[in-house]
N, C-alpha and C. Protein backbone atom coordinates (compact mmCIF):
# COMPACT_ATOMS: atom_id res chain seq x y z
N MET A 1 -84.42 -12.03 -175.38
CA MET A 1 -84.12 -10.44 -175.49
C MET A 1 -84.90 -9.74 -175.40
N VAL A 2 -85.01 -9.17 -174.59
CA VAL A 2 -86.10 -8.08 -174.20
C VAL A 2 -86.53 -6.50 -175.62
N PRO A 3 -86.60 -6.79 -176.34
CA PRO A 3 -87.16 -5.27 -177.48
C PRO A 3 -86.59 -4.32 -177.19
N HIS A 4 -86.99 -3.58 -176.11
CA HIS A 4 -85.74 -2.35 -176.10
C HIS A 4 -84.47 -2.66 -175.81
N ILE A 5 -84.44 -3.71 -174.59
CA ILE A 5 -82.86 -3.62 -174.54
C ILE A 5 -81.57 -4.51 -176.12
N ARG A 6 -82.37 -4.53 -176.78
CA ARG A 6 -81.83 -5.21 -178.53
C ARG A 6 -81.95 -3.25 -179.00
N HIS A 7 -83.06 -2.48 -179.08
CA HIS A 7 -82.48 -2.07 -179.72
C HIS A 7 -81.68 -0.71 -179.41
N ARG A 8 -81.53 -1.09 -177.44
CA ARG A 8 -80.88 0.20 -176.88
C ARG A 8 -79.19 -0.22 -178.01
N GLU A 9 -79.25 -1.95 -177.34
CA GLU A 9 -77.95 -2.17 -178.25
C GLU A 9 -77.31 -1.96 -179.82
N ASN A 10 -78.48 -1.55 -180.42
CA ASN A 10 -78.70 -1.86 -181.66
C ASN A 10 -78.22 -0.39 -182.48
N SER A 11 -78.91 0.44 -180.95
CA SER A 11 -78.85 2.37 -181.21
C SER A 11 -76.92 2.54 -180.65
N GLN A 12 -76.31 1.64 -180.23
CA GLN A 12 -75.06 1.61 -179.36
C GLN A 12 -74.23 1.25 -180.20
N VAL A 13 -74.74 -0.23 -181.09
CA VAL A 13 -73.66 -0.31 -182.05
C VAL A 13 -73.71 1.21 -183.37
N PHE A 14 -74.32 1.42 -184.03
CA PHE A 14 -75.04 2.54 -185.06
C PHE A 14 -74.02 4.00 -184.10
N ALA A 15 -74.48 4.14 -182.90
CA ALA A 15 -72.98 4.88 -182.04
C ALA A 15 -71.60 5.30 -182.58
N LEU A 16 -71.17 4.05 -182.23
CA LEU A 16 -69.62 3.40 -182.31
C LEU A 16 -69.44 3.51 -183.36
N SER A 17 -69.68 2.94 -184.55
CA SER A 17 -70.02 3.45 -185.94
C SER A 17 -69.61 5.02 -186.70
N ALA A 18 -70.72 5.40 -186.00
CA ALA A 18 -70.81 6.84 -186.68
C ALA A 18 -69.22 7.51 -186.47
N VAL A 19 -69.31 6.81 -184.58
CA VAL A 19 -67.87 7.17 -184.35
C VAL A 19 -66.34 6.98 -184.58
N ALA A 20 -67.02 5.51 -184.98
CA ALA A 20 -65.55 5.43 -186.03
C ALA A 20 -65.11 6.07 -186.95
N GLN A 21 -66.71 6.89 -188.04
CA GLN A 21 -66.66 6.87 -189.08
C GLN A 21 -66.08 9.20 -188.99
N ARG A 22 -65.77 9.12 -187.82
CA ARG A 22 -65.20 10.82 -187.79
C ARG A 22 -64.31 10.04 -187.54
N LEU A 23 -63.43 9.78 -187.04
CA LEU A 23 -62.23 9.58 -186.20
C LEU A 23 -61.61 8.80 -187.82
N ALA A 24 -62.06 8.24 -188.40
CA ALA A 24 -61.64 8.05 -189.71
C ALA A 24 -60.93 8.92 -189.99
N GLN A 25 -62.51 9.63 -190.98
CA GLN A 25 -62.23 11.05 -191.27
C GLN A 25 -60.91 11.98 -190.72
N GLU A 26 -61.02 11.61 -189.79
CA GLU A 26 -60.32 12.61 -188.66
C GLU A 26 -58.87 12.32 -189.31
N LEU A 27 -58.33 10.78 -189.10
CA LEU A 27 -56.92 10.63 -188.87
C LEU A 27 -56.17 10.65 -190.59
N ALA A 28 -57.55 10.00 -191.60
CA ALA A 28 -57.31 10.82 -192.65
C ALA A 28 -57.22 12.55 -193.46
N ALA A 29 -57.85 13.54 -192.89
CA ALA A 29 -57.50 14.49 -192.72
C ALA A 29 -55.68 14.74 -191.75
N ALA A 30 -55.74 13.98 -191.24
CA ALA A 30 -54.25 14.35 -190.36
C ALA A 30 -53.00 14.04 -190.15
N GLU A 31 -52.73 13.10 -191.45
CA GLU A 31 -52.26 11.92 -191.82
C GLU A 31 -51.36 12.59 -193.02
N PRO A 32 -51.89 13.57 -193.91
CA PRO A 32 -50.87 14.83 -194.70
C PRO A 32 -50.58 15.76 -194.26
N LYS A 33 -51.87 16.30 -193.38
CA LYS A 33 -51.41 17.45 -192.69
C LYS A 33 -49.92 17.57 -191.61
N LEU A 34 -49.97 16.19 -190.97
CA LEU A 34 -48.69 16.21 -190.38
C LEU A 34 -47.36 15.61 -191.61
N GLY A 35 -47.42 14.93 -193.13
CA GLY A 35 -46.03 15.16 -193.93
C GLY A 35 -46.08 16.09 -194.27
N ARG A 36 -47.05 16.93 -193.81
CA ARG A 36 -46.54 18.56 -195.14
C ARG A 36 -45.31 19.17 -193.43
N GLN A 37 -45.74 18.51 -192.27
CA GLN A 37 -45.54 19.31 -191.23
C GLN A 37 -43.74 18.64 -191.49
N GLN A 38 -43.71 17.89 -191.09
CA GLN A 38 -42.47 17.08 -191.30
C GLN A 38 -41.70 17.47 -192.25
N LYS A 39 -42.37 17.34 -193.40
CA LYS A 39 -41.46 17.96 -194.10
C LYS A 39 -40.61 20.24 -194.33
N ASN A 40 -41.85 20.04 -193.68
CA ASN A 40 -41.02 22.01 -193.73
C ASN A 40 -40.25 22.12 -192.33
N SER A 41 -40.41 20.96 -191.12
CA SER A 41 -39.22 20.80 -190.09
C SER A 41 -39.03 20.41 -190.65
N ALA A 42 -38.11 19.39 -191.46
CA ALA A 42 -36.80 18.43 -192.75
C ALA A 42 -36.19 19.68 -192.96
N ALA A 43 -36.91 20.39 -193.45
CA ALA A 43 -35.81 21.67 -194.71
C ALA A 43 -36.19 22.56 -193.57
N THR A 44 -36.71 22.92 -192.83
CA THR A 44 -36.27 24.13 -191.16
C THR A 44 -34.72 22.96 -190.41
N GLN A 45 -35.14 22.08 -190.19
CA GLN A 45 -33.76 21.78 -189.36
C GLN A 45 -32.35 21.87 -191.12
N ARG A 46 -32.82 21.78 -191.62
CA ARG A 46 -31.42 21.55 -192.44
C ARG A 46 -30.88 22.95 -193.29
N ARG A 47 -31.66 24.18 -192.88
CA ARG A 47 -31.24 25.33 -193.15
C ARG A 47 -30.54 25.38 -191.71
N ILE A 48 -31.55 25.08 -190.95
CA ILE A 48 -30.86 25.32 -189.57
C ILE A 48 -28.50 25.11 -189.63
N THR A 49 -28.80 23.35 -189.47
CA THR A 49 -27.75 23.59 -190.56
C THR A 49 -26.90 24.31 -191.45
N GLU A 50 -27.12 24.66 -192.48
CA GLU A 50 -26.22 25.85 -192.80
C GLU A 50 -26.15 26.40 -192.51
N ILE A 51 -26.89 27.34 -191.14
CA ILE A 51 -26.81 28.31 -190.99
C ILE A 51 -25.29 28.38 -190.36
N GLN A 52 -25.13 27.36 -189.35
CA GLN A 52 -24.19 26.80 -188.14
C GLN A 52 -23.39 26.34 -188.74
N GLU A 53 -22.83 26.11 -190.24
CA GLU A 53 -21.74 25.43 -190.95
C GLU A 53 -21.10 26.57 -191.44
N GLU A 54 -22.12 27.83 -191.93
CA GLU A 54 -21.45 28.86 -192.26
C GLU A 54 -20.96 30.07 -190.71
N LEU A 55 -21.95 30.15 -189.61
CA LEU A 55 -20.68 30.86 -188.42
C LEU A 55 -19.93 30.29 -188.41
N SER A 56 -20.08 28.44 -188.57
CA SER A 56 -18.13 28.17 -187.41
C SER A 56 -16.79 28.99 -189.10
N SER A 57 -17.22 28.30 -190.05
CA SER A 57 -16.59 28.15 -190.53
C SER A 57 -15.89 30.70 -190.98
N LYS A 58 -16.47 31.07 -189.84
CA LYS A 58 -16.51 32.45 -190.27
C LYS A 58 -16.01 32.95 -188.13
N SER A 59 -16.39 31.50 -187.68
CA SER A 59 -14.81 32.10 -186.77
C SER A 59 -13.68 31.60 -186.44
């Protein structure tokens, strides 16, 4: 293989590795955030249900 082509391939592998590492870090940060959002969403849905039940019982 021609040396400059091998260097280019190594650079591409390094760049892909850096992208993969960045994406892994982004995923690691996003997963707990999603968990918190899902927990808050569930609490909001429970509160909506409580309010709807309260309104229905007063009608």
